Amino acid sequence: MVEVKLENIVKTFGETVALKGINLHVKDGELFTLLGPSGCGKSTTLRIIAGLDFADSGHLYFDDDDVTYKSSSERGAVLVFQNYALWPHMTVYDNVAYGLKVKKLPKQEIDRKVKWALELVKLQGYEDRYPTQLSGGQQQRVAIARALVVEPKLLLLDEPLSNLDAKLRLEMRSEIRRIQR
């Protein structure tokens, strides 16, 4: 885990000011939620923290390291998107293993880490299924396993429960809290 500090973050898209002087401090190990109406800048803030977008001005720190202009991979942060972003032509195993294969880890290590991540999200035995064969909650857990398997310093979730029904939302809230511990 990592301590995150945003100092006076500004982000514009053309003439539209998405973030204006955002300051935020999230302590190491803290479970933190950004709440607000649609279009208020929650996703933009997460994308900046993850390194998928850069702020126009201001500074972002992980612990005491200024990561404002570092790439996503240099930051060690992973963002799980609202729509899960699973590859439909790939099995659960291949979706979860993707980041490890990109890192060119040995197959035995990939197998071990994928097994660990799927056990963590309680999807052992689903390795050979495709995303279309899974419920919304199961797809979300695959996306979370894919994020966790690379052992990020920071896990960011962008509206991870918005596409789920009320019962699944409650279950996934509990799962996220359990995984965070």
C-alpha atoms as a PDB file:
ATOM      1  CA  MET A   1       0.000   0.000   0.000  1.00  0.00           C
ATOM      2  CA  VAL A   2       0.977   3.607  -0.393  1.00  0.00           C
ATOM      3  CA  GLU A   3       0.139   7.035   0.982  1.00  0.00           C
ATOM      4  CA  VAL A   4      -1.378   9.281  -1.722  1.00  0.00           C
ATOM      5  CA  LYS A   5      -1.264  13.083  -1.715  1.00  0.00           C
ATOM      6  CA  LEU A   6      -2.757  15.377  -4.333  1.00  0.00           C
ATOM      7  CA  GLU A   7      -1.723  19.018  -4.105  1.00  0.00           C
ATOM      8  CA  ASN A   8      -3.628  21.676  -6.042  1.00  0.00           C
ATOM      9  CA  ILE A   9      -4.421  19.375  -8.996  1.00  0.00           C
ATOM     10  CA  VAL A  10      -5.918  21.129 -12.027  1.00  0.00           C
ATOM     11  CA  LYS A  11      -7.193  19.362 -15.158  1.00  0.00           C
ATOM     12  CA  THR A  12      -8.979  20.893 -18.123  1.00  0.00           C
ATOM     13  CA  PHE A  13     -10.400  19.430 -21.296  1.00  0.00           C
ATOM     14  CA  GLY A  14     -10.451  22.273 -23.807  1.00  0.00           C
ATOM     15  CA  GLU A  15     -12.472  25.049 -22.163  1.00  0.00           C
ATOM     16  CA  THR A  16     -13.977  22.710 -19.560  1.00  0.00           C
ATOM     17  CA  VAL A  17     -12.377  22.710 -16.114  1.00  0.00           C
ATOM     18  CA  ALA A  18     -12.694  19.151 -14.800  1.00  0.00           C
ATOM     19  CA  LEU A  19     -10.611  19.584 -11.631  1.00  0.00           C
ATOM     20  CA  LYS A  20      -9.795  22.902 -10.000  1.00  0.00           C
ATOM     21  CA  GLY A  21      -7.260  22.897  -7.189  1.00  0.00           C
ATOM     22  CA  ILE A  22      -7.966  19.414  -5.799  1.00  0.00           C
ATOM     23  CA  ASN A  23      -6.192  18.576  -2.540  1.00  0.00           C
ATOM     24  CA  LEU A  24      -6.459  15.109  -1.061  1.00  0.00           C
ATOM     25  CA  HIS A  25      -4.527  12.990   1.429  1.00  0.00           C
ATOM     26  CA  VAL A  26      -5.182   9.237   1.687  1.00  0.00           C
ATOM     27  CA  LYS A  27      -3.112   7.419   4.289  1.00  0.00           C
ATOM     28  CA  ASP A  28      -1.326   4.140   3.678  1.00  0.00           C
ATOM     29  CA  GLY A  29      -3.756   1.222   4.097  1.00  0.00           C
ATOM     30  CA  GLU A  30      -6.828   3.451   4.194  1.00  0.00           C
ATOM     31  CA  LEU A  31      -9.987   2.479   2.293  1.00  0.00           C
ATOM     32  CA  PHE A  32     -11.193   5.723   0.729  1.00  0.00           C
ATOM     33  CA  THR A  33     -14.255   6.612  -1.367  1.00  0.00           C
ATOM     34  CA  LEU A  34     -14.835   9.586  -3.667  1.00  0.00           C
ATOM     35  CA  LEU A  35     -18.522  10.492  -3.784  1.00  0.00           C
ATOM     36  CA  GLY A  36     -20.285  13.024  -5.981  1.00  0.00           C
ATOM     37  CA  PRO A  37     -22.677  13.522  -8.862  1.00  0.00           C
ATOM     38  CA  SER A  38     -21.960  12.416 -12.408  1.00  0.00           C
ATOM     39  CA  GLY A  39     -19.454  14.682 -14.134  1.00  0.00           C
ATOM     40  CA  CYS A  40     -17.897  16.127 -10.966  1.00  0.00           C
ATOM     41  CA  GLY A  41     -14.401  14.722 -11.652  1.00  0.00           C
ATOM     42  CA  LYS A  42     -14.249  11.443  -9.718  1.00  0.00           C
ATOM     43  CA  SER A  43     -13.107   9.348 -12.686  1.00  0.00           C
ATOM     44  CA  THR A  44     -10.715  12.066 -13.857  1.00  0.00           C
ATOM     45  CA  THR A  45      -9.149  12.158 -10.386  1.00  0.00           C
ATOM     46  CA  LEU A  46      -8.721   8.361 -10.407  1.00  0.00           C
ATOM     47  CA  ARG A  47      -7.242   8.419 -13.920  1.00  0.00           C
ATOM     48  CA  ILE A  48      -4.702  11.039 -12.814  1.00  0.00           C
ATOM     49  CA  ILE A  49      -3.782   9.042  -9.705  1.00  0.00           C
ATOM     50  CA  ALA A  50      -3.390   5.900 -11.849  1.00  0.00           C
ATOM     51  CA  GLY A  51      -1.210   7.719 -14.394  1.00  0.00           C
ATOM     52  CA  LEU A  52      -3.637   7.252 -17.291  1.00  0.00           C
ATOM     53  CA  ASP A  53      -4.050  11.054 -17.556  1.00  0.00           C
ATOM     54  CA  PHE A  54      -1.794  13.840 -16.356  1.00  0.00           C
ATOM     55  CA  ALA A  55      -2.770  16.955 -14.433  1.00  0.00           C
ATOM     56  CA  ASP A  56      -2.278  20.329 -16.114  1.00  0.00           C
ATOM     57  CA  SER A  57      -0.774  21.596 -12.866  1.00  0.00           C
ATOM     58  CA  GLY A  58      -0.297  20.542  -9.273  1.00  0.00           C
ATOM     59  CA  HIS A  59       1.572  17.615  -7.770  1.00  0.00           C
ATOM     60  CA  LEU A  60       0.829  13.992  -6.947  1.00  0.00           C
ATOM     61  CA  TYR A  61       2.865  12.034  -4.410  1.00  0.00           C
ATOM     62  CA  PHE A  62       3.007   8.336  -3.571  1.00  0.00           C
ATOM     63  CA  ASP A  63       4.564   8.304  -0.126  1.00  0.00           C
ATOM     64  CA  ASP A  64       7.170  11.073  -0.557  1.00  0.00           C
ATOM     65  CA  ASP A  65       7.874  10.318  -4.226  1.00  0.00           C
ATOM     66  CA  ASP A  66       6.612  12.924  -6.719  1.00  0.00           C
ATOM     67  CA  VAL A  67       4.887  10.779  -9.364  1.00  0.00           C
ATOM     68  CA  THR A  68       3.124  13.670 -11.130  1.00  0.00           C
ATOM     69  CA  TYR A  69       4.730  12.885 -14.491  1.00  0.00           C
ATOM     70  CA  LYS A  70       5.553   9.207 -14.032  1.00  0.00           C
ATOM     71  CA  SER A  71       3.837   6.571 -16.161  1.00  0.00           C
ATOM     72  CA  SER A  72       1.199   4.233 -14.806  1.00  0.00           C
ATOM     73  CA  SER A  73       3.648   1.329 -14.723  1.00  0.00           C
ATOM     74  CA  GLU A  74       6.232   3.412 -12.831  1.00  0.00           C
ATOM     75  CA  ARG A  75       3.609   4.314 -10.222  1.00  0.00           C
ATOM     76  CA  GLY A  76       2.474   0.758  -9.564  1.00  0.00           C
ATOM     77  CA  ALA A  77      -1.184   1.801  -9.453  1.00  0.00           C
ATOM     78  CA  VAL A  78      -3.971  -0.186 -11.102  1.00  0.00           C
ATOM     79  CA  LEU A  79      -7.431   1.123 -12.016  1.00  0.00           C
ATOM     80  CA  VAL A  80     -10.405  -1.237 -12.344  1.00  0.00           C
ATOM     81  CA  PHE A  81     -12.966   0.314 -14.665  1.00  0.00           C
ATOM     82  CA  GLN A  82     -16.738   0.468 -14.259  1.00  0.00           C
ATOM     83  CA  ASN A  83     -17.294  -1.720 -17.334  1.00  0.00           C
ATOM     84  CA  TYR A  84     -14.706  -4.338 -16.178  1.00  0.00           C
ATOM     85  CA  ALA A  85     -12.751  -4.110 -19.484  1.00  0.00           C
ATOM     86  CA  LEU A  86     -12.469  -7.900 -19.808  1.00  0.00           C
ATOM     87  CA  TRP A  87     -11.460  -9.404 -23.136  1.00  0.00           C
ATOM     88  CA  PRO A  88     -14.460 -11.483 -24.275  1.00  0.00           C
ATOM     89  CA  HIS A  89     -12.348 -13.822 -26.445  1.00  0.00           C
ATOM     90  CA  MET A  90     -10.089 -14.735 -23.513  1.00  0.00           C
ATOM     91  CA  THR A  91     -10.806 -17.141 -20.668  1.00  0.00           C
ATOM     92  CA  VAL A  92     -10.904 -16.035 -17.048  1.00  0.00           C
ATOM     93  CA  TYR A  93      -7.380 -17.450 -16.639  1.00  0.00           C
ATOM     94  CA  ASP A  94      -6.050 -15.493 -19.627  1.00  0.00           C
ATOM     95  CA  ASN A  95      -7.778 -12.266 -18.554  1.00  0.00           C
ATOM     96  CA  VAL A  96      -6.232 -12.513 -15.077  1.00  0.00           C
ATOM     97  CA  ALA A  97      -2.814 -13.621 -16.390  1.00  0.00           C
ATOM     98  CA  TYR A  98      -2.569 -10.887 -19.028  1.00  0.00           C
ATOM     99  CA  GLY A  99      -0.447  -8.407 -17.035  1.00  0.00           C
ATOM    100  CA  LEU A 100       1.890 -11.163 -15.885  1.00  0.00           C
ATOM    101  CA  LYS A 101       2.377 -12.387 -19.458  1.00  0.00           C
ATOM    102  CA  VAL A 102       3.181  -8.831 -20.559  1.00  0.00           C
ATOM    103  CA  LYS A 103       5.876  -8.807 -17.848  1.00  0.00           C
ATOM    104  CA  LYS A 104       7.150 -12.094 -19.345  1.00  0.00           C
ATOM    105  CA  LEU A 105       7.053 -13.985 -16.057  1.00  0.00           C
ATOM    106  CA  PRO A 106       7.695 -17.749 -16.153  1.00  0.00           C
ATOM    107  CA  LYS A 107       4.571 -19.864 -16.748  1.00  0.00           C
ATOM    108  CA  GLN A 108       4.881 -21.599 -13.378  1.00  0.00           C
ATOM    109  CA  GLU A 109       4.909 -18.232 -11.571  1.00  0.00           C
ATOM    110  CA  ILE A 110       1.962 -16.998 -13.659  1.00  0.00           C
ATOM    111  CA  ASP A 111      -0.001 -20.149 -12.787  1.00  0.00           C
ATOM    112  CA  ARG A 112       0.740 -19.711  -9.078  1.00  0.00           C
ATOM    113  CA  LYS A 113      -0.218 -16.017  -9.026  1.00  0.00           C
ATOM    114  CA  VAL A 114      -3.417 -16.518 -11.058  1.00  0.00           C
ATOM    115  CA  LYS A 115      -4.456 -19.335  -8.713  1.00  0.00           C
ATOM    116  CA  TRP A 116      -3.821 -17.048  -5.709  1.00  0.00           C
ATOM    117  CA  ALA A 117      -5.794 -14.140  -7.221  1.00  0.00           C
ATOM    118  CA  LEU A 118      -8.767 -16.318  -8.199  1.00  0.00           C
ATOM    119  CA  GLU A 119      -8.848 -17.861  -4.720  1.00  0.00           C
ATOM    120  CA  LEU A 120      -8.787 -14.361  -3.226  1.00  0.00           C
ATOM    121  CA  VAL A 121     -11.918 -13.355  -5.176  1.00  0.00           C
ATOM    122  CA  LYS A 122     -13.489 -16.805  -4.715  1.00  0.00           C
ATOM    123  CA  LEU A 123     -13.466 -17.793  -8.393  1.00  0.00           C
ATOM    124  CA  GLN A 124     -11.298 -20.913  -8.286  1.00  0.00           C
ATOM    125  CA  GLY A 125     -12.672 -23.406 -10.803  1.00  0.00           C
ATOM    126  CA  TYR A 126     -13.703 -20.663 -13.265  1.00  0.00           C
ATOM    127  CA  GLU A 127     -10.368 -20.512 -15.115  1.00  0.00           C
ATOM    128  CA  ASP A 128     -11.689 -21.971 -18.390  1.00  0.00           C
ATOM    129  CA  ARG A 129     -14.864 -19.895 -18.598  1.00  0.00           C
ATOM    130  CA  TYR A 130     -15.322 -16.839 -20.783  1.00  0.00           C
ATOM    131  CA  PRO A 131     -16.651 -13.482 -19.533  1.00  0.00           C
ATOM    132  CA  THR A 132     -19.987 -14.025 -21.307  1.00  0.00           C
ATOM    133  CA  GLN A 133     -20.498 -17.156 -19.190  1.00  0.00           C
ATOM    134  CA  LEU A 134     -20.236 -15.164 -15.939  1.00  0.00           C
ATOM    135  CA  SER A 135     -22.627 -12.991 -13.952  1.00  0.00           C
ATOM    136  CA  GLY A 136     -21.920  -9.278 -13.536  1.00  0.00           C
ATOM    137  CA  GLY A 137     -20.538  -9.848 -10.051  1.00  0.00           C
ATOM    138  CA  GLN A 138     -18.265 -12.638 -11.275  1.00  0.00           C
ATOM    139  CA  GLN A 139     -16.992 -10.451 -14.120  1.00  0.00           C
ATOM    140  CA  GLN A 140     -16.236  -7.689 -11.617  1.00  0.00           C
ATOM    141  CA  ARG A 141     -14.303 -10.156  -9.466  1.00  0.00           C
ATOM    142  CA  VAL A 142     -12.284 -11.261 -12.520  1.00  0.00           C
ATOM    143  CA  ALA A 143     -11.402  -7.609 -13.159  1.00  0.00           C
ATOM    144  CA  ILE A 144     -10.356  -7.207  -9.520  1.00  0.00           C
ATOM    145  CA  ALA A 145      -8.291 -10.431  -9.673  1.00  0.00           C
ATOM    146  CA  ARG A 146      -6.572  -9.147 -12.826  1.00  0.00           C
ATOM    147  CA  ALA A 147      -5.685  -5.955 -10.958  1.00  0.00           C
ATOM    148  CA  LEU A 148      -4.522  -7.710  -7.786  1.00  0.00           C
ATOM    149  CA  VAL A 149      -2.433 -10.386  -9.515  1.00  0.00           C
ATOM    150  CA  VAL A 150       0.231  -7.818 -10.467  1.00  0.00           C
ATOM    151  CA  GLU A 151       0.485  -6.840  -6.775  1.00  0.00           C
ATOM    152  CA  PRO A 152      -0.046  -3.094  -7.232  1.00  0.00           C
ATOM    153  CA  LYS A 153       1.017  -0.518  -4.671  1.00  0.00           C
ATOM    154  CA  LEU A 154      -2.410   1.050  -5.087  1.00  0.00           C
ATOM    155  CA  LEU A 155      -5.735  -0.402  -6.245  1.00  0.00           C
ATOM    156  CA  LEU A 156      -8.262   2.096  -7.620  1.00  0.00           C
ATOM    157  CA  LEU A 157     -11.859   1.128  -8.392  1.00  0.00           C
ATOM    158  CA  ASP A 158     -13.968   3.402 -10.625  1.00  0.00           C
ATOM    159  CA  GLU A 159     -17.645   2.834  -9.808  1.00  0.00           C
ATOM    160  CA  PRO A 160     -17.045  -0.883  -9.330  1.00  0.00           C
ATOM    161  CA  LEU A 161     -20.606  -1.604  -8.212  1.00  0.00           C
ATOM    162  CA  SER A 162     -22.688   0.636 -10.469  1.00  0.00           C
ATOM    163  CA  ASN A 163     -23.615  -2.075 -12.986  1.00  0.00           C
ATOM    164  CA  LEU A 164     -24.694  -4.576 -10.341  1.00  0.00           C
ATOM    165  CA  ASP A 165     -28.093  -5.223  -8.798  1.00  0.00           C
ATOM    166  CA  ALA A 166     -28.715  -4.330  -5.134  1.00  0.00           C
ATOM    167  CA  LYS A 167     -27.958  -7.833  -3.798  1.00  0.00           C
ATOM    168  CA  LEU A 168     -24.703  -8.113  -5.731  1.00  0.00           C
ATOM    169  CA  ARG A 169     -23.674  -4.598  -4.649  1.00  0.00           C
ATOM    170  CA  LEU A 170     -23.940  -5.641  -0.998  1.00  0.00           C
ATOM    171  CA  GLU A 171     -21.949  -8.821  -1.649  1.00  0.00           C
ATOM    172  CA  MET A 172     -19.240  -6.971  -3.573  1.00  0.00           C
ATOM    173  CA  ARG A 173     -18.913  -4.273  -0.874  1.00  0.00           C
ATOM    174  CA  SER A 174     -18.166  -7.046   1.606  1.00  0.00           C
ATOM    175  CA  GLU A 175     -15.732  -8.690  -0.829  1.00  0.00           C
ATOM    176  CA  ILE A 176     -13.847  -5.425  -1.401  1.00  0.00           C
ATOM    177  CA  ARG A 177     -13.553  -4.826   2.350  1.00  0.00           C
ATOM    178  CA  ARG A 178     -12.336  -8.420   2.853  1.00  0.00           C
ATOM    179  CA  ILE A 179      -9.736  -8.125   0.077  1.00  0.00           C
ATOM    180  CA  GLN A 180      -8.536  -4.745   1.379  1.00  0.00           C
ATOM    181  CA  ARG A 181      -7.656  -6.297   4.737  1.00  0.00           C
END
